[in-house]
Amino acid sequence: MLDNTRSGLFSPYTLSSGLELKNRIVMAPMTRGRARNAGLVPTELHAEYYRQRASAGLIITEAAWVSPEAIGFINVPGIFSPDQVEGWKKVTEAVHAEGGHIYLQVAHSGAGSHPDFFAGQPPLAPSAINPGLRSFTNEGFKETVTPRAMTLEQIKSTIEDYAVAAKNAKTAGFDGIELHSATTYLLPQFLNSKLNVRTDAYGGSAENRSRIVIDILEAMLAEWAPGRVGVKLSPTMAMGGFEPTDQTVATYNHLAVRLGDLPLSHVQLVKAPNDLQGTPIQVLQDTVAYFRPRLKGTLIANFGFDKTSADAVLAAKHADLISFGNAFIANPDLVRRMKENIPLNQPHRDLFYQGAAEGYTDYPPAA
């Protein structure tokens, strides 16, 4: 068992499951849009991409759709078909061969999708309220529409989709799984009192708005050993018509308490990207420090960190691990570059979400 009392960015860390990470650097989940096939199957290109970045203490993959109804962005892989499971096996085998550890993130886009993905039918969501977002379709970005409010039976079916996804991830050889309850996807829509106006067990109070997140995590934990299921949260996220409300703090406070009742691997927390003064959530300005005493277990801090700021958060014990996004896109050897103070490659932003090997696996490591 490793000693978690050391807090430097390059010190080892042991998760509650006993999984030993060689450093505290996490590759954050990032949609890249390279599953350019009808079955949304991960390919050898995905395997190479993640293999190159296996020096991270932990890789968390791009979000994979849990069902056809979850799709909201072109060329993003799924985890609901046998072919997809086989494709992901190549990824996990490649990362493990390099001595790395890898979790699969699983997701549902909810109202952030578009009828183009569903033969003209509106997407599913907590309530029939347009979130004012954009969905990346085969014809480019399109404005979201008023979605269909989910029935209780559809909620139950969606929870089961996540359970099947968790089982499939285990079959594919992942070391664990992370629930995407961040940005503007389905679960943050449930947590948002403006987009969730339900009056049943899944809306109307902090407890009810949080219920689906807990139900899904419990369903996923039933497929895995304790300490192998994590969750990602972004309480301060604002985009388009999706924005925090006067109920956000109470909702996430309640959720934090409930998460503490579960044997989770970790919580990955996105810090506030901008100034929150004068907003209903200004108390969350230092998001990570605010939630540290409210969350049990391993906390991964995410968004906008560099080596200096990451080490500061670790030294203050506000987080246990730090996840990096854009820096990993252009720097497959990010761990070495940060450790040896080697300048970073700059990413090609126009190739973040589309293309093939260019802007994906062709970034050179340091000489």
Protein backbone atom coordinates (compact mmCIF):
# COMPACT_ATOMS: atom_id res chain seq x y z
CA MET A 1 0.00 0.00 0.00
CA LEU A 2 1.35 3.41 -0.94
CA ASP A 3 1.62 6.36 1.43
CA ASN A 4 -1.00 9.02 0.59
CA THR A 5 0.45 11.51 3.09
CA ARG A 6 2.86 12.80 0.44
CA SER A 7 0.99 15.37 -1.64
CA GLY A 8 3.29 16.43 -4.49
CA LEU A 9 2.04 16.19 -8.07
CA PHE A 10 4.53 13.43 -8.86
CA SER A 11 4.03 11.43 -5.67
CA PRO A 12 2.09 8.14 -5.82
CA TYR A 13 -1.47 7.74 -4.58
CA THR A 14 -3.60 4.75 -3.68
CA LEU A 15 -7.34 4.78 -4.36
CA SER A 16 -9.69 3.21 -1.81
CA SER A 17 -9.93 0.10 -3.99
CA GLY A 18 -6.19 -0.45 -3.61
CA LEU A 19 -5.44 0.69 -7.16
CA GLU A 20 -1.98 2.26 -6.99
CA LEU A 21 -1.42 5.35 -9.12
CA LYS A 22 2.18 6.24 -9.97
CA ASN A 23 1.49 9.98 -9.77
CA ARG A 24 -1.37 12.36 -8.99
CA ILE A 25 -1.84 13.50 -12.58
CA VAL A 26 -5.15 12.46 -14.15
CA MET A 27 -5.96 12.72 -17.83
CA ALA A 28 -9.38 14.39 -17.82
CA PRO A 29 -12.23 13.02 -19.95
CA MET A 30 -12.43 14.92 -23.26
CA THR A 31 -14.72 14.37 -26.23
CA ARG A 32 -12.59 14.02 -29.38
CA GLY A 33 -15.00 12.73 -32.05
CA ARG A 34 -12.82 10.03 -33.62
CA ALA A 35 -15.30 7.13 -33.71
CA ARG A 36 -16.07 7.79 -37.35
CA ASN A 37 -18.04 4.63 -38.07
CA ALA A 38 -21.72 3.73 -38.09
CA GLY A 39 -21.43 1.62 -34.94
CA LEU A 40 -19.60 4.32 -32.91
CA VAL A 41 -16.92 1.74 -32.17
CA PRO A 42 -13.50 2.69 -30.72
CA THR A 43 -10.72 1.87 -33.19
CA GLU A 44 -6.96 1.25 -33.24
CA LEU A 45 -6.62 5.04 -33.39
CA HIS A 46 -8.27 5.35 -29.98
CA ALA A 47 -5.99 2.64 -28.61
CA GLU A 48 -2.91 4.52 -29.80
CA TYR A 49 -4.17 7.85 -28.46
CA TYR A 50 -4.68 6.53 -24.95
CA ARG A 51 -1.56 4.35 -25.05
CA GLN A 52 0.55 7.45 -25.73
CA ARG A 53 -0.79 9.07 -22.57
CA ALA A 54 -0.46 6.08 -20.22
CA SER A 55 2.17 7.82 -18.06
CA ALA A 56 -0.70 9.63 -16.31
CA GLY A 57 -1.48 8.21 -12.89
CA LEU A 58 -5.00 7.65 -14.18
CA ILE A 59 -6.71 8.13 -17.54
CA ILE A 60 -10.43 8.85 -17.63
CA THR A 61 -11.70 8.40 -21.17
CA GLU A 62 -13.96 10.59 -23.22
CA ALA A 63 -17.61 10.15 -22.31
CA ALA A 64 -19.14 7.06 -23.94
CA TRP A 65 -22.86 6.91 -24.68
CA VAL A 66 -24.80 4.43 -22.53
CA SER A 67 -27.49 3.87 -25.17
CA PRO A 68 -28.60 5.06 -28.62
CA GLU A 69 -31.02 7.45 -26.83
CA ALA A 70 -28.06 9.07 -25.05
CA ILE A 71 -26.30 10.34 -28.19
CA GLY A 72 -25.85 14.09 -28.57
CA PHE A 73 -22.62 14.59 -30.50
CA ILE A 74 -21.30 12.98 -33.69
CA ASN A 75 -18.53 10.38 -33.77
CA VAL A 76 -18.45 9.78 -30.02
CA PRO A 77 -18.06 6.09 -29.06
CA GLY A 78 -20.63 4.14 -27.12
CA ILE A 79 -20.52 1.32 -24.59
CA PHE A 80 -23.87 -0.32 -25.38
CA SER A 81 -23.03 -2.81 -28.16
CA PRO A 82 -20.80 -5.91 -28.29
CA ASP A 83 -18.68 -4.31 -31.04
CA GLN A 84 -18.09 -1.26 -28.88
CA VAL A 85 -17.00 -3.46 -25.99
CA GLU A 86 -14.52 -5.22 -28.25
CA GLY A 87 -13.22 -1.87 -29.49
CA TRP A 88 -12.68 -0.63 -25.95
CA LYS A 89 -10.80 -3.85 -25.10
CA LYS A 90 -8.07 -2.76 -27.52
CA VAL A 91 -7.84 0.55 -25.65
CA THR A 92 -7.56 -0.97 -22.17
CA GLU A 93 -5.05 -3.57 -23.34
CA ALA A 94 -2.87 -0.86 -24.92
CA VAL A 95 -2.90 1.28 -21.75
CA HIS A 96 -2.27 -1.65 -19.43
CA ALA A 97 0.64 -2.81 -21.60
CA GLU A 98 2.27 0.56 -20.84
CA GLY A 99 1.67 0.17 -17.10
CA GLY A 100 -1.20 2.67 -17.02
CA HIS A 101 -4.64 2.69 -15.41
CA ILE A 102 -7.82 3.70 -17.22
CA TYR A 103 -11.45 4.41 -16.27
CA LEU A 104 -14.33 4.75 -18.70
CA GLN A 105 -16.60 7.78 -18.37
CA VAL A 106 -20.25 7.12 -19.28
CA ALA A 107 -22.83 9.70 -20.31
CA HIS A 108 -26.26 10.68 -21.58
CA SER A 109 -26.71 14.06 -23.30
CA GLY A 110 -30.39 14.54 -22.42
CA ALA A 111 -31.82 17.79 -23.79
CA GLY A 112 -28.38 18.75 -25.12
CA SER A 113 -29.02 16.56 -28.15
CA HIS A 114 -31.03 17.07 -31.36
CA PRO A 115 -33.85 15.30 -33.26
CA ASP A 116 -31.35 14.53 -36.05
CA PHE A 117 -30.07 11.68 -33.88
CA PHE A 118 -33.53 10.21 -33.26
CA ALA A 119 -35.29 10.15 -36.63
CA GLY A 120 -36.94 13.49 -35.94
CA GLN A 121 -38.07 12.76 -32.38
CA PRO A 122 -37.05 15.28 -29.69
CA PRO A 123 -34.48 14.02 -27.19
CA LEU A 124 -35.34 12.94 -23.65
CA ALA A 125 -34.85 15.23 -20.65
CA PRO A 126 -36.12 15.81 -17.10
CA SER A 127 -38.75 18.30 -18.30
CA ALA A 128 -39.97 19.71 -21.60
CA ILE A 129 -37.74 22.81 -21.39
CA ASN A 130 -35.26 23.81 -24.08
CA PRO A 131 -31.85 24.34 -22.42
CA GLY A 132 -30.71 26.74 -25.15
CA LEU A 133 -27.61 24.75 -26.10
CA ARG A 134 -26.09 23.49 -29.36
CA SER A 135 -25.68 19.91 -30.51
CA PHE A 136 -22.92 18.88 -32.95
CA THR A 137 -24.69 16.90 -35.67
CA ASN A 138 -23.64 15.50 -39.06
CA GLU A 139 -24.74 18.83 -40.52
CA GLY A 140 -22.77 20.91 -38.04
CA PHE A 141 -23.90 22.62 -34.86
CA LYS A 142 -27.66 22.94 -34.43
CA GLU A 143 -29.74 24.68 -31.78
CA THR A 144 -31.43 22.42 -29.26
CA VAL A 145 -35.21 22.04 -29.25
CA THR A 146 -37.87 21.49 -26.62
CA PRO A 147 -37.23 17.91 -25.42
CA ARG A 148 -39.62 15.21 -24.30
CA ALA A 149 -40.10 14.99 -20.53
CA MET A 150 -39.07 11.52 -19.39
CA THR A 151 -41.69 9.23 -17.94
CA LEU A 152 -40.90 7.29 -14.77
CA GLU A 153 -40.56 4.19 -16.93
CA GLN A 154 -38.03 5.97 -19.15
CA ILE A 155 -36.07 7.06 -16.09
CA LYS A 156 -36.03 3.48 -14.85
CA SER A 157 -34.89 2.28 -18.28
CA THR A 158 -32.13 4.89 -18.37
CA ILE A 159 -30.85 3.80 -14.96
CA GLU A 160 -30.71 0.26 -16.31
CA ASP A 161 -28.79 1.51 -19.36
CA TYR A 162 -26.11 2.83 -17.01
CA ALA A 163 -25.99 -0.50 -15.18
CA VAL A 164 -25.47 -2.34 -18.47
CA ALA A 165 -22.80 0.19 -19.46
CA ALA A 166 -21.02 -0.46 -16.16
CA LYS A 167 -21.10 -4.20 -16.78
CA ASN A 168 -19.83 -3.68 -20.34
CA ALA A 169 -17.00 -1.47 -19.09
CA LYS A 170 -15.91 -4.23 -16.74
CA THR A 171 -15.99 -6.74 -19.60
CA ALA A 172 -13.89 -4.35 -21.70
CA GLY A 173 -11.13 -4.42 -19.09
CA PHE A 174 -11.39 -0.97 -17.54
CA ASP A 175 -10.01 -0.40 -14.04
CA GLY A 176 -13.13 1.53 -13.07
CA ILE A 177 -15.89 3.77 -14.34
CA GLU A 178 -16.89 7.42 -13.90
CA LEU A 179 -20.42 8.80 -14.13
CA HIS A 180 -20.61 11.99 -16.21
CA SER A 181 -22.78 14.30 -14.10
CA ALA A 182 -21.04 17.47 -15.27
CA THR A 183 -21.27 20.27 -17.86
CA THR A 184 -24.73 20.40 -19.46
CA TYR A 185 -25.61 16.72 -19.84
CA LEU A 186 -28.69 14.82 -18.64
CA LEU A 187 -27.82 14.55 -14.95
CA PRO A 188 -26.92 18.22 -14.42
CA GLN A 189 -30.23 18.97 -16.12
CA PHE A 190 -31.96 16.91 -13.40
CA LEU A 191 -29.97 18.80 -10.75
CA ASN A 192 -31.00 22.18 -12.16
CA SER A 193 -34.25 23.64 -10.76
CA LYS A 194 -34.84 25.69 -13.92
CA LEU A 195 -34.61 22.71 -16.29
CA ASN A 196 -36.16 20.18 -13.92
CA VAL A 197 -39.69 21.20 -12.92
CA ARG A 198 -40.94 17.69 -12.20
CA THR A 199 -43.34 17.14 -9.31
CA ASP A 200 -42.64 13.43 -8.79
CA ALA A 201 -39.81 11.64 -6.95
CA TYR A 202 -37.21 13.11 -9.34
CA GLY A 203 -37.98 16.81 -8.96
CA GLY A 204 -39.18 19.57 -6.64
CA SER A 205 -36.53 19.38 -3.90
CA ALA A 206 -32.78 18.98 -3.52
CA GLU A 207 -33.32 15.38 -2.45
CA ASN A 208 -35.51 14.58 -5.44
CA ARG A 209 -33.37 16.38 -8.00
CA SER A 210 -30.36 14.40 -6.74
CA ARG A 211 -32.19 11.08 -6.74
CA ILE A 212 -31.37 9.94 -10.27
CA VAL A 213 -27.63 10.49 -9.74
CA ILE A 214 -27.70 8.33 -6.61
CA ASP A 215 -29.90 5.69 -8.27
CA ILE A 216 -27.50 5.41 -11.21
CA LEU A 217 -24.41 5.24 -9.00
CA GLU A 218 -25.99 2.49 -6.92
CA ALA A 219 -26.87 0.58 -10.10
CA MET A 220 -23.30 0.93 -11.35
CA LEU A 221 -21.80 -0.03 -7.98
CA ALA A 222 -23.83 -3.25 -8.11
CA GLU A 223 -21.73 -4.23 -11.15
CA TRP A 224 -18.36 -3.30 -9.62
CA ALA A 225 -16.43 -3.80 -6.41
CA PRO A 226 -16.46 -0.89 -3.93
CA GLY A 227 -14.09 1.91 -4.85
CA ARG A 228 -14.28 1.42 -8.62
CA VAL A 229 -17.09 3.87 -9.48
CA GLY A 230 -16.58 7.65 -9.49
CA VAL A 231 -18.56 10.71 -10.52
CA LYS A 232 -17.76 14.06 -12.12
CA LEU A 233 -19.63 17.22 -11.04
CA SER A 234 -19.62 20.85 -12.22
CA PRO A 235 -21.87 22.85 -9.85
CA THR A 236 -20.91 26.24 -11.34
CA MET A 237 -21.38 25.40 -15.02
CA ALA A 238 -23.18 27.98 -17.16
CA MET A 239 -23.63 27.71 -20.92
CA GLY A 240 -26.38 28.95 -23.24
CA GLY A 241 -29.66 28.72 -21.37
CA PHE A 242 -28.11 26.36 -18.82
CA GLU A 243 -27.09 28.28 -15.72
CA PRO A 244 -27.06 27.84 -11.93
CA THR A 245 -30.11 28.88 -9.92
CA ASP A 246 -30.90 29.91 -6.35
CA GLN A 247 -31.35 26.18 -5.63
CA THR A 248 -27.96 25.07 -6.95
CA VAL A 249 -25.97 25.35 -3.72
CA ALA A 250 -28.59 23.50 -1.66
CA THR A 251 -28.90 20.79 -4.31
CA TYR A 252 -25.17 20.12 -4.55
CA ASN A 253 -24.75 20.29 -0.78
CA HIS A 254 -27.37 17.58 -0.45
CA LEU A 255 -25.79 15.55 -3.23
CA ALA A 256 -22.37 15.78 -1.55
CA VAL A 257 -23.83 14.30 1.64
CA ARG A 258 -25.49 11.46 -0.26
CA LEU A 259 -22.31 10.70 -2.20
CA GLY A 260 -20.58 10.22 1.13
CA ASP A 261 -22.90 7.29 1.83
CA LEU A 262 -21.57 5.38 -1.20
CA PRO A 263 -18.25 3.47 -1.54
CA LEU A 264 -17.04 5.60 -4.43
CA SER A 265 -13.66 5.66 -6.10
CA HIS A 266 -13.60 9.45 -6.32
CA VAL A 267 -15.43 12.66 -7.06
CA GLN A 268 -14.00 14.75 -9.90
CA LEU A 269 -14.96 18.39 -9.36
CA VAL A 270 -14.82 21.18 -11.95
CA LYS A 271 -13.82 24.48 -10.37
CA ALA A 272 -15.53 27.77 -11.21
CA PRO A 273 -14.33 29.04 -14.61
CA ASN A 274 -15.17 32.70 -13.96
CA ASP A 275 -16.11 35.32 -11.36
CA LEU A 276 -19.24 34.35 -9.42
CA GLN A 277 -19.68 37.60 -7.49
CA GLY A 278 -23.29 38.76 -7.54
CA THR A 279 -24.62 35.34 -8.60
CA PRO A 280 -26.72 32.92 -6.51
CA ILE A 281 -23.66 30.65 -6.24
CA GLN A 282 -20.95 33.14 -5.26
CA VAL A 283 -20.17 30.97 -2.22
CA LEU A 284 -18.80 28.40 -4.69
CA GLN A 285 -16.11 30.73 -6.07
CA ASP A 286 -13.36 28.53 -4.63
CA THR A 287 -15.27 25.42 -5.63
CA VAL A 288 -12.72 22.84 -4.61
CA ALA A 289 -12.00 24.34 -1.18
CA TYR A 290 -15.75 24.70 -0.52
CA PHE A 291 -16.56 21.07 -1.24
CA ARG A 292 -13.43 19.47 0.25
CA PRO A 293 -14.90 19.20 3.79
CA ARG A 294 -18.28 18.21 2.35
CA LEU A 295 -17.01 15.29 0.27
CA LYS A 296 -15.59 12.06 1.62
CA GLY A 297 -12.77 10.15 -0.03
CA THR A 298 -10.66 10.99 -3.05
CA LEU A 299 -11.25 14.38 -4.67
CA ILE A 300 -9.96 15.14 -8.17
CA ALA A 301 -9.78 18.87 -8.97
CA ASN A 302 -10.39 19.81 -12.60
CA PHE A 303 -10.21 22.81 -14.93
CA GLY A 304 -7.48 25.24 -15.87
CA PHE A 305 -4.63 23.90 -13.74
CA ASP A 306 -0.94 24.12 -14.55
CA LYS A 307 1.92 22.57 -12.60
CA THR A 308 2.19 25.46 -10.12
CA SER A 309 -1.50 25.82 -9.34
CA ALA A 310 -1.92 22.04 -9.16
CA ASP A 311 0.86 21.68 -6.60
CA ALA A 312 -0.67 24.52 -4.56
CA VAL A 313 -4.05 22.78 -4.36
CA LEU A 314 -2.42 19.50 -3.38
CA ALA A 315 -0.25 21.19 -0.75
CA ALA A 316 -3.33 22.83 0.76
CA LYS A 317 -4.97 19.36 0.81
CA HIS A 318 -8.02 20.72 -1.00
CA ALA A 319 -7.70 17.86 -3.50
CA ASP A 320 -5.88 14.53 -3.79
CA LEU A 321 -5.44 14.38 -7.56
CA ILE A 322 -5.49 16.95 -10.39
CA SER A 323 -6.94 16.31 -13.84
CA PHE A 324 -5.61 18.02 -16.94
CA GLY A 325 -7.49 18.38 -20.21
CA ASN A 326 -6.16 20.50 -23.07
CA ALA A 327 -2.55 20.00 -22.02
CA PHE A 328 -2.91 16.24 -22.55
CA ILE A 329 -4.32 16.72 -26.04
CA ALA A 330 -1.10 18.17 -27.43
CA ASN A 331 1.34 16.51 -25.02
CA PRO A 332 1.21 12.73 -24.82
CA ASP A 333 4.24 12.96 -22.51
CA LEU A 334 2.70 15.65 -20.29
CA VAL A 335 3.90 14.01 -17.07
CA ARG A 336 7.53 14.10 -18.18
CA ARG A 337 7.23 17.63 -19.55
CA MET A 338 5.86 18.96 -16.28
CA LYS A 339 8.38 17.04 -14.19
CA GLU A 340 11.34 18.27 -16.25
CA ASN A 341 9.92 21.75 -16.98
CA ILE A 342 9.91 21.11 -20.72
CA PRO A 343 7.80 23.59 -22.75
CA LEU A 344 4.41 22.26 -23.88
CA ASN A 345 3.18 21.72 -27.42
CA GLN A 346 0.20 23.90 -28.30
CA PRO A 347 -2.99 22.10 -29.40
CA HIS A 348 -4.73 22.55 -32.75
CA ARG A 349 -8.15 23.68 -31.56
CA ASP A 350 -9.80 23.26 -34.95
CA LEU A 351 -9.10 19.51 -34.65
CA PHE A 352 -10.37 19.03 -31.09
CA TYR A 353 -13.68 17.42 -32.10
CA GLN A 354 -13.19 16.12 -35.63
CA GLY A 355 -10.61 14.57 -37.91
CA ALA A 356 -8.47 11.44 -37.78
CA ALA A 357 -4.84 11.04 -36.67
CA GLU A 358 -3.96 14.68 -37.30
CA GLY A 359 -4.37 16.66 -34.10
CA TYR A 360 -4.99 13.41 -32.25
CA THR A 361 -2.08 10.97 -32.28
CA ASP A 362 0.54 12.99 -34.20
CA TYR A 363 1.69 15.36 -31.43
CA PRO A 364 5.41 14.67 -30.87
CA PRO A 365 6.85 13.81 -27.46
CA ALA A 366 9.78 15.90 -26.23
CA ALA A 367 13.17 14.97 -27.68
